[in-house]
Amino acid sequence: MRPREVAARTRYSVQTLANHRCMGIGIPFTKLPSGRVMYRRDDVEAYLNGRLVEAA
């Protein structure tokens, strides 16, 4: 997934995703030789599922 797609899915801005990459936090990503940043769909879903909080 491209950063714009991840931003729409997570409701983070594209800039927030870039900041997270720079700080080494957030969703795992891959930087291709072309410089393009990509996220695996499974990683995005796992990140979102891990952030769910269930009511007690």
PDB file of N, CA and C in Angstrom:
ATOM      1  N   MET A   1       0.848  -1.169   0.000  1.00  0.00           N
ATOM      2  CA  MET A   1       0.000   0.000   0.000  1.00  0.00           C
ATOM      3  C   MET A   1       0.901   1.241   0.000  1.00  0.00           C
ATOM      4  N   ARG A   2       0.461   2.255  -0.676  1.00  0.00           N
ATOM      5  CA  ARG A   2       1.185   3.519  -0.682  1.00  0.00           C
ATOM      6  C   ARG A   2       0.803   4.338   0.547  1.00  0.00           C
ATOM      7  N   PRO A   3       1.668   5.276   0.944  1.00  0.00           N
ATOM      8  CA  PRO A   3       1.368   6.084   2.123  1.00  0.00           C
ATOM      9  C   PRO A   3      -0.001   6.763   2.080  1.00  0.00           C
ATOM     10  N   ARG A   4      -0.424   7.226   0.933  1.00  0.00           N
ATOM     11  CA  ARG A   4      -1.730   7.877   0.828  1.00  0.00           C
ATOM     12  C   ARG A   4      -2.865   6.900   1.165  1.00  0.00           C
ATOM     13  N   GLU A   5      -2.730   5.655   0.722  1.00  0.00           N
ATOM     14  CA  GLU A   5      -3.739   4.634   1.021  1.00  0.00           C
ATOM     15  C   GLU A   5      -3.749   4.304   2.514  1.00  0.00           C
ATOM     16  N   VAL A   6      -2.559   4.211   3.100  1.00  0.00           N
ATOM     17  CA  VAL A   6      -2.455   3.919   4.534  1.00  0.00           C
ATOM     18  C   VAL A   6      -3.022   5.081   5.345  1.00  0.00           C
ATOM     19  N   ALA A   7      -2.762   6.293   4.903  1.00  0.00           N
ATOM     20  CA  ALA A   7      -3.292   7.467   5.595  1.00  0.00           C
ATOM     21  C   ALA A   7      -4.819   7.436   5.601  1.00  0.00           C
ATOM     22  N   ALA A   8      -5.422   7.065   4.491  1.00  0.00           N
ATOM     23  CA  ALA A   8      -6.877   6.992   4.424  1.00  0.00           C
ATOM     24  C   ALA A   8      -7.406   5.892   5.343  1.00  0.00           C
ATOM     25  N   ARG A   9      -6.690   4.778   5.404  1.00  0.00           N
ATOM     26  CA  ARG A   9      -7.134   3.632   6.217  1.00  0.00           C
ATOM     27  C   ARG A   9      -6.971   3.901   7.713  1.00  0.00           C
ATOM     28  N   THR A  10      -5.883   4.587   8.081  1.00  0.00           N
ATOM     29  CA  THR A  10      -5.585   4.790   9.500  1.00  0.00           C
ATOM     30  C   THR A  10      -6.084   6.130  10.032  1.00  0.00           C
ATOM     31  N   ARG A  11      -6.438   7.024   9.115  1.00  0.00           N
ATOM     32  CA  ARG A  11      -6.828   8.396   9.453  1.00  0.00           C
ATOM     33  C   ARG A  11      -5.671   9.203  10.022  1.00  0.00           C
ATOM     34  N   TYR A  12      -4.440   8.769   9.737  1.00  0.00           N
ATOM     35  CA  TYR A  12      -3.256   9.577   9.991  1.00  0.00           C
ATOM     36  C   TYR A  12      -2.999  10.383   8.733  1.00  0.00           C
ATOM     37  N   SER A  13      -2.343  11.519   8.883  1.00  0.00           N
ATOM     38  CA  SER A  13      -1.953  12.264   7.689  1.00  0.00           C
ATOM     39  C   SER A  13      -0.724  11.585   7.075  1.00  0.00           C
ATOM     40  N   VAL A  14      -0.487  11.857   5.806  1.00  0.00           N
ATOM     41  CA  VAL A  14       0.700  11.340   5.140  1.00  0.00           C
ATOM     42  C   VAL A  14       1.945  11.853   5.861  1.00  0.00           C
ATOM     43  N   GLN A  15       1.910  13.088   6.329  1.00  0.00           N
ATOM     44  CA  GLN A  15       3.052  13.656   7.050  1.00  0.00           C
ATOM     45  C   GLN A  15       3.287  12.947   8.383  1.00  0.00           C
ATOM     46  N   THR A  16       2.218  12.573   9.078  1.00  0.00           N
ATOM     47  CA  THR A  16       2.369  11.821  10.332  1.00  0.00           C
ATOM     48  C   THR A  16       3.032  10.482  10.070  1.00  0.00           C
ATOM     49  N   LEU A  17       2.621   9.808   9.007  1.00  0.00           N
ATOM     50  CA  LEU A  17       3.262   8.531   8.649  1.00  0.00           C
ATOM     51  C   LEU A  17       4.748   8.751   8.373  1.00  0.00           C
ATOM     52  N   ALA A  18       5.083   9.827   7.672  1.00  0.00           N
ATOM     53  CA  ALA A  18       6.491  10.130   7.390  1.00  0.00           C
ATOM     54  C   ALA A  18       7.257  10.402   8.683  1.00  0.00           C
ATOM     55  N   ASN A  19       6.638  11.137   9.597  1.00  0.00           N
ATOM     56  CA  ASN A  19       7.281  11.403  10.891  1.00  0.00           C
ATOM     57  C   ASN A  19       7.510  10.112  11.658  1.00  0.00           C
ATOM     58  N   HIS A  20       6.530   9.226  11.651  1.00  0.00           N
ATOM     59  CA  HIS A  20       6.667   7.944  12.333  1.00  0.00           C
ATOM     60  C   HIS A  20       7.808   7.129  11.733  1.00  0.00           C
ATOM     61  N   ARG A  21       7.917   7.131  10.412  1.00  0.00           N
ATOM     62  CA  ARG A  21       9.016   6.404   9.771  1.00  0.00           C
ATOM     63  C   ARG A  21      10.355   6.969  10.213  1.00  0.00           C
ATOM     64  N   CYS A  22      10.435   8.274  10.275  1.00  0.00           N
ATOM     65  CA  CYS A  22      11.679   8.945  10.660  1.00  0.00           C
ATOM     66  C   CYS A  22      12.058   8.626  12.106  1.00  0.00           C
ATOM     67  N   MET A  23      11.066   8.514  12.986  1.00  0.00           N
ATOM     68  CA  MET A  23      11.306   8.235  14.399  1.00  0.00           C
ATOM     69  C   MET A  23      11.433   6.739  14.683  1.00  0.00           C
ATOM     70  N   GLY A  24      11.162   5.905  13.673  1.00  0.00           N
ATOM     71  CA  GLY A  24      11.275   4.459  13.853  1.00  0.00           C
ATOM     72  C   GLY A  24      10.131   3.850  14.638  1.00  0.00           C
ATOM     73  N   ILE A  25       8.956   4.496  14.579  1.00  0.00           N
ATOM     74  CA  ILE A  25       7.778   3.971  15.270  1.00  0.00           C
ATOM     75  C   ILE A  25       6.668   3.745  14.251  1.00  0.00           C
ATOM     76  N   GLY A  26       5.601   3.121  14.703  1.00  0.00           N
ATOM     77  CA  GLY A  26       4.439   2.971  13.835  1.00  0.00           C
ATOM     78  C   GLY A  26       4.470   1.715  12.998  1.00  0.00           C
ATOM     79  N   ILE A  27       3.889   1.797  11.837  1.00  0.00           N
ATOM     80  CA  ILE A  27       3.688   0.652  10.962  1.00  0.00           C
ATOM     81  C   ILE A  27       4.984   0.336  10.214  1.00  0.00           C
ATOM     82  N   PRO A  28       5.383  -0.957  10.192  1.00  0.00           N
ATOM     83  CA  PRO A  28       6.568  -1.332   9.409  1.00  0.00           C
ATOM     84  C   PRO A  28       6.381  -0.962   7.936  1.00  0.00           C
ATOM     85  N   PHE A  29       7.471  -0.585   7.282  1.00  0.00           N
ATOM     86  CA  PHE A  29       7.404  -0.180   5.884  1.00  0.00           C
ATOM     87  C   PHE A  29       8.636  -0.677   5.152  1.00  0.00           C
ATOM     88  N   THR A  30       8.573  -0.599   3.840  1.00  0.00           N
ATOM     89  CA  THR A  30       9.696  -0.950   2.988  1.00  0.00           C
ATOM     90  C   THR A  30       9.983   0.230   2.084  1.00  0.00           C
ATOM     91  N   LYS A  31      11.254   0.541   1.941  1.00  0.00           N
ATOM     92  CA  LYS A  31      11.651   1.596   1.010  1.00  0.00           C
ATOM     93  C   LYS A  31      12.274   0.910  -0.203  1.00  0.00           C
ATOM     94  N   LEU A  32      11.662   1.078  -1.347  1.00  0.00           N
ATOM     95  CA  LEU A  32      12.121   0.447  -2.575  1.00  0.00           C
ATOM     96  C   LEU A  32      13.343   1.172  -3.126  1.00  0.00           C
ATOM     97  N   PRO A  33      14.129   0.507  -3.989  1.00  0.00           N
ATOM     98  CA  PRO A  33      15.310   1.160  -4.575  1.00  0.00           C
ATOM     99  C   PRO A  33      14.975   2.484  -5.275  1.00  0.00           C
ATOM    100  N   SER A  34      13.753   2.605  -5.759  1.00  0.00           N
ATOM    101  CA  SER A  34      13.338   3.841  -6.419  1.00  0.00           C
ATOM    102  C   SER A  34      13.108   4.972  -5.423  1.00  0.00           C
ATOM    103  N   GLY A  35      13.083   4.628  -4.110  1.00  0.00           N
ATOM    104  CA  GLY A  35      12.825   5.618  -3.076  1.00  0.00           C
ATOM    105  C   GLY A  35      11.377   5.631  -2.617  1.00  0.00           C
ATOM    106  N   ARG A  36      10.520   4.921  -3.330  1.00  0.00           N
ATOM    107  CA  ARG A  36       9.108   4.851  -2.968  1.00  0.00           C
ATOM    108  C   ARG A  36       8.931   4.056  -1.680  1.00  0.00           C
ATOM    109  N   VAL A  37       8.063   4.535  -0.823  1.00  0.00           N
ATOM    110  CA  VAL A  37       7.758   3.865   0.434  1.00  0.00           C
ATOM    111  C   VAL A  37       6.485   3.054   0.249  1.00  0.00           C
ATOM    112  N   MET A  38       6.516   1.809   0.710  1.00  0.00           N
ATOM    113  CA  MET A  38       5.350   0.936   0.605  1.00  0.00           C
ATOM    114  C   MET A  38       5.109   0.244   1.947  1.00  0.00           C
ATOM    115  N   TYR A  39       3.851  -0.014   2.215  1.00  0.00           N
ATOM    116  CA  TYR A  39       3.437  -0.741   3.413  1.00  0.00           C
ATOM    117  C   TYR A  39       2.738  -2.019   2.976  1.00  0.00           C
ATOM    118  N   ARG A  40       2.997  -3.108   3.697  1.00  0.00           N
ATOM    119  CA  ARG A  40       2.265  -4.343   3.419  1.00  0.00           C
ATOM    120  C   ARG A  40       0.888  -4.249   4.061  1.00  0.00           C
ATOM    121  N   ARG A  41      -0.119  -4.685   3.335  1.00  0.00           N
ATOM    122  CA  ARG A  41      -1.495  -4.635   3.838  1.00  0.00           C
ATOM    123  C   ARG A  41      -1.620  -5.390   5.159  1.00  0.00           C
ATOM    124  N   ASP A  42      -0.967  -6.539   5.271  1.00  0.00           N
ATOM    125  CA  ASP A  42      -1.022  -7.330   6.511  1.00  0.00           C
ATOM    126  C   ASP A  42      -0.444  -6.550   7.693  1.00  0.00           C
ATOM    127  N   ASP A  43       0.625  -5.797   7.457  1.00  0.00           N
ATOM    128  CA  ASP A  43       1.229  -5.007   8.534  1.00  0.00           C
ATOM    129  C   ASP A  43       0.297  -3.883   8.983  1.00  0.00           C
ATOM    130  N   VAL A  44      -0.374  -3.259   8.027  1.00  0.00           N
ATOM    131  CA  VAL A  44      -1.317  -2.185   8.360  1.00  0.00           C
ATOM    132  C   VAL A  44      -2.468  -2.749   9.176  1.00  0.00           C
ATOM    133  N   GLU A  45      -3.013  -3.876   8.745  1.00  0.00           N
ATOM    134  CA  GLU A  45      -4.129  -4.494   9.467  1.00  0.00           C
ATOM    135  C   GLU A  45      -3.702  -4.937  10.865  1.00  0.00           C
ATOM    136  N   ALA A  46      -2.512  -5.520  10.981  1.00  0.00           N
ATOM    137  CA  ALA A  46      -2.013  -5.957  12.290  1.00  0.00           C
ATOM    138  C   ALA A  46      -1.832  -4.753  13.213  1.00  0.00           C
ATOM    139  N   TYR A  47      -1.334  -3.655  12.673  1.00  0.00           N
ATOM    140  CA  TYR A  47      -1.156  -2.441  13.468  1.00  0.00           C
ATOM    141  C   TYR A  47      -2.505  -1.934  13.966  1.00  0.00           C
ATOM    142  N   LEU A  48      -3.475  -1.903  13.079  1.00  0.00           N
ATOM    143  CA  LEU A  48      -4.803  -1.427  13.477  1.00  0.00           C
ATOM    144  C   LEU A  48      -5.459  -2.362  14.485  1.00  0.00           C
ATOM    145  N   ASN A  49      -5.327  -3.659  14.281  1.00  0.00           N
ATOM    146  CA  ASN A  49      -5.912  -4.623  15.216  1.00  0.00           C
ATOM    147  C   ASN A  49      -5.235  -4.565  16.576  1.00  0.00           C
ATOM    148  N   GLY A  50      -3.956  -4.285  16.603  1.00  0.00           N
ATOM    149  CA  GLY A  50      -3.222  -4.187  17.854  1.00  0.00           C
ATOM    150  C   GLY A  50      -3.568  -2.932  18.648  1.00  0.00           C
ATOM    151  N   ARG A  51      -4.200  -1.960  18.020  1.00  0.00           N
ATOM    152  CA  ARG A  51      -4.546  -0.718  18.684  1.00  0.00           C
ATOM    153  C   ARG A  51      -5.985  -0.721  19.197  1.00  0.00           C
ATOM    154  N   LEU A  52      -6.703  -1.828  18.977  1.00  0.00           N
ATOM    155  CA  LEU A  52      -8.080  -1.908  19.471  1.00  0.00           C
ATOM    156  C   LEU A  52      -8.082  -2.036  20.988  1.00  0.00           C
ATOM    157  N   VAL A  53      -8.991  -1.342  21.621  1.00  0.00           N
ATOM    158  CA  VAL A  53      -9.136  -1.433  23.068  1.00  0.00           C
ATOM    159  C   VAL A  53     -10.552  -1.911  23.350  1.00  0.00           C
ATOM    160  N   GLU A  54     -10.635  -3.002  24.092  1.00  0.00           N
ATOM    161  CA  GLU A  54     -11.949  -3.557  24.428  1.00  0.00           C
ATOM    162  C   GLU A  54     -12.419  -2.997  25.767  1.00  0.00           C
ATOM    163  N   ALA A  55     -13.689  -2.728  25.832  1.00  0.00           N
ATOM    164  CA  ALA A  55     -14.273  -2.238  27.080  1.00  0.00           C
ATOM    165  C   ALA A  55     -14.255  -3.359  28.125  1.00  0.00           C
ATOM    166  N   ALA A  56     -14.014  -2.992  29.355  1.00  0.00           N
ATOM    167  CA  ALA A  56     -13.949  -4.002  30.427  1.00  0.00           C
ATOM    168  C   ALA A  56     -15.331  -4.433  30.838  1.00  0.00           C
TER     169      ALA A  56
END
